[in-house]
Protein backbone atom coordinates (compact mmCIF):
# COMPACT_ATOMS: atom_id res chain seq x y z
CA MET A 1 -29.51 -4.58 23.91
CA ARG A 2 -27.74 -7.12 26.19
CA GLU A 3 -25.18 -7.45 23.75
CA LEU A 4 -24.32 -3.73 23.39
CA LEU A 5 -24.34 -3.47 27.23
CA ARG A 6 -21.86 -5.93 27.00
CA SER A 7 -19.69 -4.64 24.59
CA VAL A 8 -19.76 -1.50 26.57
CA TRP A 9 -18.71 -3.08 29.60
CA ARG A 10 -15.98 -4.94 27.76
CA ASP A 11 -14.56 -2.04 26.06
CA PRO A 12 -10.93 -1.35 27.28
CA ARG A 13 -9.07 1.92 27.95
CA PHE A 14 -8.36 4.16 25.38
CA PRO A 15 -4.97 3.66 24.24
CA GLY A 16 -2.24 6.31 23.93
CA ALA A 17 -3.72 8.51 27.23
CA PRO A 18 -1.04 11.15 28.13
CA VAL A 19 0.37 10.96 31.17
CA ARG A 20 0.88 14.34 31.85
CA VAL A 21 1.77 16.89 29.89
CA TRP A 22 2.69 20.82 30.27
CA ARG A 23 -0.86 22.12 29.92
CA ASP A 24 -2.08 20.04 32.86
CA TRP A 25 0.11 22.04 35.10
CA VAL A 26 -1.15 25.27 33.33
CA LEU A 27 -4.58 24.06 34.16
CA LEU A 28 -3.75 23.19 37.65
CA GLY A 29 -2.37 27.05 37.96
CA VAL A 30 -5.58 28.31 36.78
CA ILE A 31 -7.63 26.33 39.01
CA VAL A 32 -5.83 27.17 42.09
CA VAL A 33 -5.70 30.81 41.39
CA ALA A 34 -9.55 30.69 40.37
CA THR A 35 -10.39 28.99 43.48
CA VAL A 36 -8.40 31.16 45.87
CA LEU A 37 -9.63 34.20 44.21
CA GLU A 38 -13.35 33.20 44.37
CA GLY A 39 -13.02 31.91 47.96
CA VAL A 40 -11.54 34.95 49.41
CA LEU A 41 -13.59 37.57 47.55
CA THR A 42 -17.11 35.51 48.42
CA ARG A 43 -16.08 34.27 51.96
CA ALA A 44 -17.04 30.93 50.82
CA TYR A 45 -14.08 29.03 52.85
CA PRO A 46 -15.17 25.52 52.73
CA GLY A 47 -15.45 25.59 48.88
CA LEU A 48 -12.17 27.15 49.10
CA ILE A 49 -10.62 24.65 50.95
CA LEU A 50 -12.36 21.39 49.15
CA GLY A 51 -11.19 23.15 45.85
CA LEU A 52 -8.13 23.25 46.63
CA LEU A 53 -7.94 19.68 47.94
CA LEU A 54 -9.27 18.18 45.09
CA ALA A 55 -7.55 20.30 42.22
CA PRO A 56 -4.42 18.21 42.09
CA THR A 57 -7.02 15.18 40.78
CA VAL A 58 -6.61 16.91 37.34
CA LEU A 59 -3.30 15.65 37.23
CA TRP A 60 -4.26 11.98 37.53
CA ARG A 61 -7.53 12.23 35.61
CA ARG A 62 -6.31 10.25 32.52
CA THR A 63 -4.05 7.66 33.90
CA HIS A 64 -6.62 6.91 37.04
CA PRO A 65 -10.04 8.05 35.64
CA LEU A 66 -12.28 6.20 38.11
CA VAL A 67 -9.96 6.42 41.24
CA VAL A 68 -9.94 10.63 40.77
CA VAL A 69 -13.61 10.51 40.03
CA VAL A 70 -14.60 8.47 43.11
CA ILE A 71 -12.31 10.72 45.66
CA ALA A 72 -13.56 13.89 44.13
CA PHE A 73 -17.48 13.20 44.04
CA VAL A 74 -17.29 10.85 47.52
CA THR A 75 -15.33 13.94 48.80
CA CYS A 76 -17.99 16.48 47.74
CA PHE A 77 -20.76 14.58 48.71
CA VAL A 78 -19.28 14.15 52.57
CA TRP A 79 -17.80 17.45 52.72
CA LEU A 80 -19.87 20.01 51.07
CA PRO A 81 -23.09 18.17 49.32
CA GLN A 82 -24.05 21.67 47.69
CA PRO A 83 -21.07 23.73 47.16
CA GLU A 84 -21.67 27.24 46.31
CA ASN A 85 -18.36 27.87 44.90
CA GLY A 86 -18.20 28.18 41.14
CA SER A 87 -14.85 27.34 40.73
CA LEU A 88 -15.72 23.87 41.62
CA ALA A 89 -17.24 23.50 38.04
CA TYR A 90 -13.48 22.34 37.01
CA LEU A 91 -14.67 18.89 38.49
CA LEU A 92 -16.74 18.28 35.21
CA ILE A 93 -13.66 17.71 33.88
CA LEU A 94 -13.10 14.30 35.81
CA PRO A 95 -16.18 12.42 34.66
CA TYR A 96 -15.21 13.76 30.96
CA ALA A 97 -11.90 12.30 31.23
CA LEU A 98 -13.45 9.09 32.92
CA PHE A 99 -15.55 8.51 29.45
CA ARG A 100 -12.70 9.69 27.13
CA TRP A 101 -9.98 7.51 28.34
CA GLY A 102 -11.34 4.95 30.84
CA SER A 103 -12.68 1.51 30.03
CA GLY A 104 -16.11 0.78 29.64
CA ARG A 105 -16.19 -0.74 33.08
CA GLU A 106 -14.84 2.12 34.66
CA SER A 107 -17.19 4.54 32.75
CA VAL A 108 -20.36 2.70 34.14
CA ILE A 109 -19.11 2.39 37.64
CA GLY A 110 -18.13 5.95 37.75
CA GLY A 111 -21.20 7.45 36.14
CA ALA A 112 -23.40 5.33 38.17
CA LEU A 113 -21.49 6.56 41.00
CA ILE A 114 -21.90 10.42 40.05
CA LEU A 115 -25.63 10.14 39.32
CA ALA A 116 -26.33 8.36 42.67
CA LYS A 117 -24.09 11.20 44.49
CA ILE A 118 -26.57 13.81 42.52
CA VAL A 119 -29.93 11.88 43.38
CA ALA A 120 -28.43 11.18 47.04
CA SER A 121 -27.92 15.16 47.66
CA ALA A 122 -31.46 15.78 46.57
CA VAL A 123 -32.96 13.06 48.92
CA ILE A 124 -31.26 14.47 51.94
CA GLY A 125 -32.63 18.34 50.63
CA GLU A 126 -29.27 19.62 49.98
CA ILE A 127 -30.21 20.41 46.39
CA THR A 128 -33.76 21.16 44.98
CA ALA A 129 -35.33 18.99 42.00
CA SER A 130 -34.21 21.66 39.57
CA ASP A 131 -30.73 21.32 40.92
CA MET A 132 -30.79 17.90 40.55
CA LEU A 133 -32.25 17.97 36.96
CA LEU A 134 -29.38 20.69 35.95
CA GLY A 135 -27.12 18.29 37.38
CA PHE A 136 -28.01 15.46 35.48
CA VAL A 137 -28.27 17.46 32.37
CA ALA A 138 -24.64 18.60 32.98
CA MET A 139 -23.21 15.27 33.73
CA ILE A 140 -24.59 13.76 30.79
CA ALA A 141 -23.38 16.25 28.46
CA ALA A 142 -20.13 15.68 29.82
CA PHE A 143 -20.63 11.93 29.28
CA ALA A 144 -21.75 12.53 25.58
CA LEU A 145 -18.98 14.82 24.59
CA ALA A 146 -16.34 12.51 25.85
CA THR A 147 -17.83 9.55 24.06
CA THR A 148 -18.09 11.61 20.98
CA PHE A 149 -14.44 12.68 21.18
CA ARG A 150 -13.38 9.02 21.98
CA TYR A 151 -15.50 7.46 19.11
CA ARG A 152 -14.18 10.06 16.60
CA ALA A 153 -10.36 9.45 17.72
CA ARG A 154 -10.86 5.50 17.29
CA LEU A 155 -12.35 6.08 13.80
CA LEU A 156 -9.69 8.56 12.88
CA ASP A 157 -7.04 5.80 14.10
CA ARG A 158 -8.91 3.02 12.24
CA ARG A 159 -8.83 5.08 9.02
CA LEU A 160 -5.01 5.75 9.64
CA GLY A 161 -4.63 1.99 10.26
CA GLU A 162 -6.17 1.30 6.64
CA ALA A 163 -4.14 3.58 4.86
CA LYS A 164 -1.03 2.21 6.19
CA LEU A 165 -2.64 -1.38 5.35
CA ARG A 166 -3.27 -0.25 1.63
CA GLU A 167 0.22 1.09 1.15
CA ARG A 168 1.69 -2.26 2.48
CA GLU A 169 -0.72 -4.18 0.02
CA ARG A 170 0.72 -1.94 -2.89
CA LEU A 171 4.32 -2.68 -1.56
CA ALA A 172 3.77 -6.06 -1.24
CA ARG A 173 2.44 -6.03 -5.14
CA ASP A 174 5.48 -4.14 -6.08
CA LEU A 175 7.69 -6.80 -3.94
CA HIS A 176 5.85 -9.41 -5.74
CA ASP A 177 6.88 -8.37 -9.40
CA THR A 178 10.05 -7.73 -8.37
CA VAL A 179 10.85 -11.20 -7.15
CA ALA A 180 8.96 -12.76 -9.85
CA HIS A 181 11.19 -10.75 -12.38
CA HIS A 182 14.24 -12.61 -10.66
CA VAL A 183 12.86 -15.68 -10.51
CA SER A 184 11.92 -15.44 -14.13
CA ALA A 185 15.39 -14.51 -15.07
CA MET A 186 16.83 -17.73 -13.27
CA ALA A 187 14.62 -20.01 -15.03
CA ILE A 188 15.80 -18.51 -18.49
CA ARG A 189 19.35 -18.61 -17.51
CA ALA A 190 19.05 -22.32 -16.32
CA GLN A 191 17.29 -23.38 -19.62
CA ALA A 192 19.97 -21.56 -21.73
CA GLY A 193 22.95 -23.23 -19.57
CA ILE A 194 21.20 -26.54 -19.90
CA ALA A 195 20.87 -26.07 -23.62
CA VAL A 196 24.60 -25.44 -24.11
CA ALA A 197 26.00 -27.37 -21.51
CA GLN A 198 27.32 -30.06 -23.80
CA ARG A 199 28.89 -28.04 -26.56
CA ARG A 200 29.99 -25.29 -24.45
CA PRO A 201 30.39 -26.10 -20.79
CA GLU A 202 32.01 -22.40 -19.91
CA ALA A 203 28.68 -20.81 -21.18
CA ALA A 204 26.94 -23.01 -18.42
CA VAL A 205 29.23 -22.13 -15.80
CA ASP A 206 28.48 -18.37 -16.49
CA ALA A 207 24.78 -19.11 -16.42
CA LEU A 208 25.22 -20.55 -13.16
CA ARG A 209 26.94 -17.68 -11.75
CA LEU A 210 23.91 -15.60 -13.29
CA ILE A 211 21.69 -17.58 -11.55
CA GLU A 212 23.41 -17.17 -8.50
CA ALA A 213 23.56 -13.55 -8.73
CA GLU A 214 19.75 -13.28 -9.60
CA ALA A 215 19.19 -15.74 -6.72
CA LYS A 216 21.06 -13.15 -4.40
CA SER A 217 18.64 -10.44 -5.34
CA ALA A 218 15.47 -12.41 -4.99
CA LEU A 219 16.53 -13.54 -1.37
CA ALA A 220 17.42 -9.88 -0.56
CA GLU A 221 13.83 -8.64 -1.95
CA MET A 222 12.24 -11.34 -0.05
CA ARG A 223 13.87 -10.26 3.30
CA THR A 224 12.73 -6.75 2.79
CA MET A 225 9.07 -8.43 2.33
CA VAL A 226 9.21 -10.74 5.20
CA ARG A 227 10.64 -7.77 7.53
CA ALA A 228 8.52 -5.31 6.21
CA LEU A 229 5.02 -6.93 5.69
CA ARG A 230 3.42 -9.30 8.25
CA HIS A 231 -0.23 -8.86 7.55
CA ALA A 232 -0.39 -7.70 3.99
CA GLN A 233 -2.80 -9.29 1.85
CA GLU A 234 -2.97 -10.12 -1.80
CA ALA A 235 -3.30 -7.88 -4.42
CA ASP A 236 -3.51 -7.41 -8.20
CA LEU A 237 -0.36 -8.66 -10.05
CA GLU A 238 -0.12 -5.65 -12.39
CA PRO A 239 3.01 -4.40 -13.89
CA SER A 240 4.70 -1.98 -11.35
CA PRO A 241 6.36 1.24 -12.46
CA GLY A 242 9.91 2.24 -11.50
CA LEU A 243 12.25 4.84 -12.45
CA THR A 244 12.06 4.62 -15.92
CA GLU A 245 8.34 5.63 -15.97
CA LEU A 246 8.82 8.82 -13.92
CA PRO A 247 9.16 10.91 -16.82
CA ARG A 248 5.52 9.96 -17.45
CA LEU A 249 4.48 12.41 -14.89
CA ALA A 250 5.82 15.03 -16.59
CA GLY A 251 3.57 17.72 -18.89
CA ARG A 252 0.57 19.89 -18.38
CA SER A 253 -2.94 18.67 -17.34
CA PRO A 254 -5.97 20.56 -19.51
CA THR A 255 -6.56 22.72 -16.24
CA GLY A 256 -3.45 22.20 -13.71
CA PRO A 257 0.25 23.00 -13.45
CA VAL A 258 2.87 21.74 -15.64
CA VAL A 259 5.22 18.79 -14.13
CA GLU A 260 8.87 19.05 -14.65
CA VAL A 261 10.83 15.71 -13.78
CA GLU A 262 14.47 15.79 -13.31
CA LEU A 263 16.74 12.66 -12.82
CA ALA A 264 20.48 13.18 -11.64
CA GLY A 265 22.94 10.82 -10.59
CA ASP A 266 23.86 6.90 -10.72
CA LEU A 267 20.20 5.39 -11.27
CA ASP A 268 20.98 2.51 -13.42
CA ASP A 269 21.63 -0.08 -10.98
CA VAL A 270 18.99 1.17 -8.12
CA PRO A 271 16.76 -2.10 -7.15
CA ALA A 272 13.57 -2.24 -8.42
CA THR A 273 11.64 -2.22 -5.10
CA VAL A 274 13.51 1.16 -4.28
CA GLY A 275 12.52 2.39 -8.08
CA THR A 276 8.91 1.38 -7.47
CA ALA A 277 8.70 3.36 -3.97
CA ILE A 278 10.26 6.46 -5.52
CA TYR A 279 7.54 6.50 -8.32
CA ARG A 280 4.94 5.88 -6.08
CA LEU A 281 6.05 8.42 -3.63
CA ALA A 282 6.45 11.14 -6.42
CA GLN A 283 3.07 9.99 -8.25
CA GLU A 284 1.15 10.32 -4.64
CA SER A 285 3.01 13.95 -4.43
CA VAL A 286 2.35 15.38 -7.67
CA THR A 287 -1.54 14.35 -7.31
CA ASN A 288 -1.68 15.84 -4.29
CA ALA A 289 -0.30 19.14 -5.37
CA ARG A 290 -2.71 18.97 -8.59
CA ARG A 291 -5.79 18.54 -6.07
CA HIS A 292 -4.59 20.83 -3.35
CA ALA A 293 -2.01 23.52 -4.34
CA ARG A 294 -4.20 26.50 -5.13
CA GLN A 295 -3.17 28.59 -8.01
CA ALA A 296 -0.18 26.38 -8.73
CA THR A 297 1.68 26.92 -12.10
CA ARG A 298 4.58 24.40 -11.68
CA ILE A 299 5.15 21.23 -9.89
CA GLU A 300 8.87 20.09 -10.03
CA VAL A 301 10.16 16.36 -9.41
CA ARG A 302 13.71 15.80 -8.96
CA VAL A 303 15.19 12.60 -8.02
CA THR A 304 18.91 12.08 -7.27
CA ALA A 305 21.12 9.12 -6.14
CA ASP A 306 24.58 8.88 -4.59
CA ASP A 307 26.37 5.63 -3.15
CA GLY A 308 23.90 5.17 0.01
CA PHE A 309 20.70 6.73 -0.85
CA VAL A 310 18.04 7.60 -3.62
CA ARG A 311 16.57 10.93 -2.97
CA LEU A 312 13.11 12.42 -4.38
CA GLN A 313 11.87 15.97 -3.68
CA VAL A 314 8.88 17.51 -5.23
CA ASN A 315 8.00 20.97 -5.20
CA ASP A 316 4.89 23.13 -5.90
CA ASP A 317 4.36 26.91 -6.20
CA GLY A 318 0.94 26.85 -4.78
CA LEU A 319 -0.54 29.18 -2.48
CA GLY A 320 -1.00 27.73 1.06
CA ALA A 321 -0.38 24.56 2.50
CA HIS A 322 -1.88 21.15 2.06
CA GLY A 323 -1.64 18.00 3.52
CA GLY A 324 -2.43 15.34 0.88
CA GLY A 325 -6.27 15.20 1.51
CA SER A 326 -8.18 14.50 4.40
CA PRO A 327 -7.12 14.05 7.03
CA GLY A 328 -3.73 13.42 5.55
CA PHE A 329 -3.73 9.70 4.83
CA GLY A 330 -1.97 10.49 1.56
CA LEU A 331 1.01 11.67 3.43
CA VAL A 332 0.60 8.52 5.87
CA GLY A 333 0.71 5.97 3.19
CA MET A 334 4.07 7.61 1.74
CA SER A 335 5.46 7.70 5.32
CA GLU A 336 4.38 3.95 5.48
CA ARG A 337 6.31 3.09 2.36
CA ALA A 338 9.31 4.83 2.80
CA GLY A 339 9.62 3.48 6.60
CA LEU A 340 8.93 -0.17 5.45
CA LEU A 341 12.28 0.31 3.35
CA GLY A 342 14.05 1.68 6.05
CA GLY A 343 13.90 5.53 4.73
CA THR A 344 12.15 8.72 5.47
CA CYS A 345 9.38 11.02 4.01
CA GLU A 346 8.42 14.44 5.04
CA ALA A 347 6.22 16.97 3.80
CA GLY A 348 5.70 20.53 5.07
CA PRO A 349 5.33 24.44 3.55
CA ALA A 350 8.26 25.48 1.66
CA PRO A 351 9.73 28.80 2.13
CA GLY A 352 7.93 31.71 0.79
CA ARG A 353 4.86 29.72 -0.93
CA GLY A 354 4.17 26.30 -2.07
CA TRP A 355 4.82 22.79 -0.35
CA THR A 356 7.47 20.47 -0.54
CA VAL A 357 7.67 16.58 -0.10
CA THR A 358 11.08 15.43 0.20
CA ALA A 359 12.08 11.22 0.66
CA ALA A 360 15.23 9.51 1.21
CA LEU A 361 15.53 5.45 0.76
CA PRO A 362 18.47 3.43 1.19
CA ARG A 363 19.75 2.48 -2.18
CA THR A 364 20.50 -1.47 -1.18
CA GLY A 365 16.26 -1.30 -0.97
CA VAL A 366 16.50 -3.55 2.44
CA ALA A 367 15.23 -2.01 5.61
CA ALA A 368 17.85 -1.52 8.34
């Protein structure tokens, strides 16, 4: 129990809290209008003034959650221990934001302050025991709801991070295979050069030139690995597929749509890293379409290349949109792989019906 409390106390603020968005201004406007209407109609002017004074606190509820909670609830206790204005219910947003975005230390201090305010109001006779109980229930419900969304968002971030890491591991394996291929070619060329060096010196020079070319390619691949992968773990060293294996995706599954593959442009000298990435993106897109495209009859895979980029487009004619599985981790991995190589990968509904995945990778295979 002590360790649990210590971990809660040390829990940092949740990252990525929006500073202020347009919805905050809309919320502020709704609060002001509701407060004014209720105050005028019920003639509860103290509550009207209090509500208008505290309304701006909603604008800073994410960036300064503890500060706005202290200001709001201390002001309520001093000004109006038992507010009669129902519009002041918007103050429940503040403890929600405290537990959703604040640190563990801020949540403990703020929660204790809120509950102490409710108890103090009951002690001085401003609210009844039943009102105190209702106040506890309302605040604990706000705390629990905020904590649920906080840890749900944290779990989602963790799963997204795991999806990206898995894609990095796969890319590390593919890059390992490519570099190993270059190094093996260098070793073979060197052995051949040594064997013919005495009888045909010019052949040895040619072998050295080929070794130099292979070494440059290997160094380029290694630069890509070092730049893109910082925490990749070891992976299986299974052979990595490339552009030549794309036709394997074609055909019809027993119960699914037919897959058509088309290759166009100059694909002969595309680096193995790029070829493998294109294959992985196409494979993931086809798998997603087969799983999620309802009533699809055809999946089209088209790969084209020009002097600067290798482009992939995968279309299906299914009904409805699909995002590659719950909650879109397939697309996250695809975007991660493309981004690591300096390219892009996007997916979305196609005009009319179906789903389209497009990707563009630099032909050099080196991230910018």
